Amino acid sequence: AYISFQTDIMADEGTASTSTAPAPKVVEYDPVTGVPAEFNEYLPKDSEEYKKWKALQEGPEAVEKLTLKDKEGNEIEKQLPGGKVKKKQKPQIVLEIASKGGKRKVTNITGLELFGVKLSEASKTFKQKFACGCSVTKTATGTEQIEMQGDFLHQVPDILIKNYSKYITKADVFFIGEDKKKANYYDDGSDDDE
């Protein structure tokens, strides 16, 4: 009985192998996203592939949605809540003195790269001029800054204007004082001017 049971299983397997298996399903991948088309809407919303796919879905009218027009058809500026108009920020160089480890002070210079100044070259210039440790570091926001060991708040702006006058003007140099407010370094009436 045992042997016949095995032969019955083999006979069943033989009949199963002779039947036609279903044809493999052909999956077409989206050329933009690289995934099957039915998965496009489930991609992460912040991924580049999703953004490209969504823009293609919306077509040329998506660009028209980005501009605001009043009743007469004139284009108006986008506004913040409360009707305020967002101003485009002009690039600035910001100087700040920070304490590091008690009495030690460091001078941080941010925004130089926005004026086309190479931070590594500026760092070398400051290192030679002030005979101090000076390096290019990353800030918490991901931008780069120059960090100098010591308090050089009153010397750095003049050197910036002198060395990089074709890129930087006096109106571009700001500092953050002890009250944590940003002010133009060269404004008249500032008590930090020398």
Protein backbone atom coordinates (compact mmCIF):
# COMPACT_ATOMS: atom_id res chain seq x y z
CA ALA A 1 0.00 0.00 0.00
CA TYR A 2 2.91 2.29 0.75
CA ILE A 3 4.41 1.94 -2.70
CA SER A 4 1.14 2.47 -4.47
CA PHE A 5 0.62 5.66 -2.49
CA GLN A 6 3.93 7.00 -3.82
CA THR A 7 3.02 6.09 -7.37
CA ASP A 8 -0.32 7.85 -7.00
CA ILE A 9 1.52 11.04 -5.95
CA MET A 10 3.91 10.69 -8.85
CA ALA A 11 1.02 10.14 -11.20
CA ASP A 12 -0.67 13.27 -9.88
CA GLU A 13 2.55 15.24 -10.32
CA GLY A 14 2.90 13.98 -13.84
CA THR A 15 -0.56 15.19 -14.76
CA ALA A 16 0.11 18.57 -13.16
CA SER A 17 3.29 19.07 -15.18
CA THR A 18 1.55 18.33 -18.46
CA SER A 19 -1.08 21.04 -17.88
CA THR A 20 -0.30 24.50 -19.21
CA ALA A 21 1.09 26.94 -16.65
CA PRO A 22 -0.25 30.51 -16.80
CA ALA A 23 1.85 32.87 -18.89
CA PRO A 24 4.14 35.22 -16.92
CA LYS A 25 2.68 38.68 -16.43
CA VAL A 26 4.42 41.40 -18.40
CA VAL A 27 5.13 44.43 -16.19
CA GLU A 28 5.76 47.75 -17.89
CA TYR A 29 7.95 50.21 -16.01
CA ASP A 30 7.39 53.95 -16.14
CA PRO A 31 10.30 55.59 -18.03
CA VAL A 32 10.29 58.63 -15.70
CA THR A 33 10.16 56.94 -12.29
CA GLY A 34 11.55 53.49 -13.05
CA VAL A 35 8.78 51.66 -11.16
CA PRO A 36 5.59 50.01 -12.44
CA ALA A 37 3.04 52.65 -13.42
CA GLU A 38 0.50 51.62 -10.77
CA PHE A 39 3.07 52.41 -8.00
CA ASN A 40 3.82 56.01 -9.09
CA GLU A 41 1.26 57.60 -6.79
CA TYR A 42 2.76 55.76 -3.77
CA LEU A 43 6.29 57.12 -4.23
CA PRO A 44 7.57 59.45 -1.46
CA LYS A 45 6.20 62.94 -2.13
CA ASP A 46 9.62 64.59 -1.71
CA SER A 47 11.49 62.29 -4.12
CA GLU A 48 12.70 63.68 -7.45
CA GLU A 49 10.99 60.86 -9.38
CA TYR A 50 7.59 61.69 -7.88
CA LYS A 51 8.00 65.40 -8.59
CA LYS A 52 8.90 64.72 -12.25
CA TRP A 53 5.99 62.28 -12.63
CA LYS A 54 3.53 64.71 -11.01
CA ALA A 55 4.68 67.58 -13.23
CA LEU A 56 4.17 65.42 -16.33
CA GLN A 57 0.68 64.46 -15.12
CA GLU A 58 -0.36 68.09 -14.62
CA GLY A 59 1.02 69.26 -17.96
CA PRO A 60 1.69 72.87 -19.03
CA GLU A 61 -1.22 74.26 -17.01
CA ALA A 62 0.77 73.47 -13.83
CA VAL A 63 3.01 76.45 -14.57
CA GLU A 64 0.00 78.75 -14.79
CA LYS A 65 -1.09 77.63 -11.32
CA LEU A 66 2.16 78.94 -9.87
CA THR A 67 1.42 82.58 -10.69
CA LEU A 68 -1.30 84.62 -8.99
CA LYS A 69 -3.46 87.03 -10.97
CA ASP A 70 -5.96 89.62 -9.80
CA LYS A 71 -9.41 90.23 -11.34
CA GLU A 72 -7.99 92.28 -14.22
CA GLY A 73 -5.47 89.53 -15.06
CA ASN A 74 -2.44 91.39 -13.71
CA GLU A 75 0.15 89.25 -12.01
CA ILE A 76 0.48 89.89 -8.28
CA GLU A 77 3.19 88.95 -5.83
CA LYS A 78 2.71 85.99 -3.54
CA GLN A 79 1.89 87.06 -0.03
CA LEU A 80 2.47 85.68 3.42
CA PRO A 81 -0.42 85.18 5.84
CA GLY A 82 -1.78 88.54 6.93
CA GLY A 83 -1.22 90.13 3.52
CA LYS A 84 2.50 90.75 3.98
CA VAL A 85 4.72 90.55 0.90
CA LYS A 86 7.85 88.45 1.32
CA LYS A 87 10.97 90.42 0.52
CA LYS A 88 13.81 88.84 -1.37
CA GLN A 89 16.77 88.73 0.94
CA LYS A 90 19.94 90.35 -0.22
CA PRO A 91 23.07 88.26 0.50
CA GLN A 92 24.83 89.31 3.69
CA ILE A 93 28.09 88.62 5.47
CA VAL A 94 27.39 88.06 9.15
CA LEU A 95 30.06 88.28 11.85
CA GLU A 96 29.42 86.78 15.26
CA ILE A 97 31.49 86.31 18.40
CA ALA A 98 30.82 83.09 20.29
CA SER A 99 32.25 81.66 23.50
CA LYS A 100 33.88 78.29 23.33
CA GLY A 101 34.91 76.52 26.49
CA GLY A 102 34.62 79.36 29.00
CA LYS A 103 36.82 82.39 28.29
CA ARG A 104 37.85 81.41 24.76
CA LYS A 105 36.19 83.40 21.98
CA VAL A 106 35.74 82.50 18.33
CA THR A 107 34.75 84.78 15.46
CA ASN A 108 32.34 83.19 12.98
CA ILE A 109 32.00 84.63 9.47
CA THR A 110 29.03 83.37 7.43
CA GLY A 111 27.81 84.34 3.97
CA LEU A 112 31.13 84.91 2.21
CA GLU A 113 30.42 82.18 -0.34
CA LEU A 114 27.34 84.11 -1.51
CA PHE A 115 29.67 86.80 -2.86
CA GLY A 116 31.89 84.42 -4.82
CA VAL A 117 34.66 84.34 -2.21
CA LYS A 118 36.40 80.99 -1.80
CA LEU A 119 36.24 80.16 1.89
CA SER A 120 39.49 78.19 1.93
CA GLU A 121 41.43 81.12 0.46
CA ALA A 122 39.80 83.63 2.81
CA SER A 123 40.56 81.33 5.73
CA LYS A 124 44.25 81.27 4.78
CA THR A 125 44.27 85.06 4.49
CA PHE A 126 42.78 85.50 7.97
CA LYS A 127 45.11 82.87 9.41
CA GLN A 128 48.17 84.74 8.12
CA LYS A 129 46.87 88.21 8.96
CA PHE A 130 45.83 87.48 12.56
CA ALA A 131 48.24 84.61 13.38
CA CYS A 132 45.38 82.52 14.72
CA GLY A 133 43.73 79.17 14.13
CA CYS A 134 41.22 79.50 11.33
CA SER A 135 39.14 76.85 9.58
CA VAL A 136 36.09 76.31 7.39
CA THR A 137 33.32 74.55 9.34
CA LYS A 138 29.73 73.49 8.68
CA THR A 139 26.90 75.23 10.50
CA ALA A 140 23.78 73.57 11.87
CA THR A 141 21.86 74.64 8.75
CA GLY A 142 24.37 72.89 6.46
CA THR A 143 26.08 76.01 5.13
CA GLU A 144 29.79 76.67 5.59
CA GLN A 145 31.39 79.37 7.69
CA ILE A 146 34.86 80.53 8.66
CA GLU A 147 35.67 80.03 12.33
CA MET A 148 38.61 82.00 13.74
CA GLN A 149 40.07 81.55 17.20
CA GLY A 150 39.88 84.89 18.99
CA ASP A 151 37.78 88.05 19.00
CA PHE A 152 38.42 89.83 15.67
CA LEU A 153 35.03 91.51 15.22
CA HIS A 154 36.50 94.98 14.71
CA GLN A 155 39.36 93.99 12.38
CA VAL A 156 37.65 91.53 10.01
CA PRO A 157 35.21 93.96 8.28
CA ASP A 158 38.00 96.29 7.17
CA ILE A 159 40.02 93.41 5.78
CA LEU A 160 36.97 92.06 3.94
CA ILE A 161 36.36 95.44 2.31
CA LYS A 162 40.04 95.90 1.51
CA ASN A 163 40.68 92.41 0.03
CA TYR A 164 37.32 91.74 -1.63
CA SER A 165 36.16 95.24 -2.59
CA LYS A 166 34.97 94.15 -6.04
CA TYR A 167 32.51 91.71 -4.41
CA ILE A 168 31.68 93.22 -1.02
CA THR A 169 30.47 96.69 -0.01
CA LYS A 170 30.05 98.23 3.44
CA ALA A 171 26.30 97.66 3.20
CA ASP A 172 26.85 93.89 2.98
CA VAL A 173 28.69 93.47 6.31
CA PHE A 174 26.56 92.77 9.39
CA PHE A 175 27.32 91.63 12.92
CA ILE A 176 25.36 89.97 15.68
CA GLY A 177 25.92 91.82 18.94
CA GLU A 178 25.58 90.74 22.54
CA ASP A 179 21.84 91.44 22.35
CA LYS A 180 21.61 88.79 19.57
CA LYS A 181 20.28 91.34 17.06
CA LYS A 182 21.72 91.66 13.57
CA ALA A 183 22.88 95.16 12.59
CA ASN A 184 24.97 96.65 9.82
CA TYR A 185 28.56 97.02 11.00
CA TYR A 186 29.16 100.34 9.25
CA ASP A 187 25.91 102.07 10.33
CA ASP A 188 26.44 105.44 11.99
CA GLY A 189 25.31 105.46 15.60
CA SER A 190 26.39 101.89 16.25
CA ASP A 191 28.40 101.67 19.46
CA ASP A 192 30.45 98.78 18.07
CA ASP A 193 32.09 100.93 15.36
CA GLU A 194 35.71 101.92 15.79
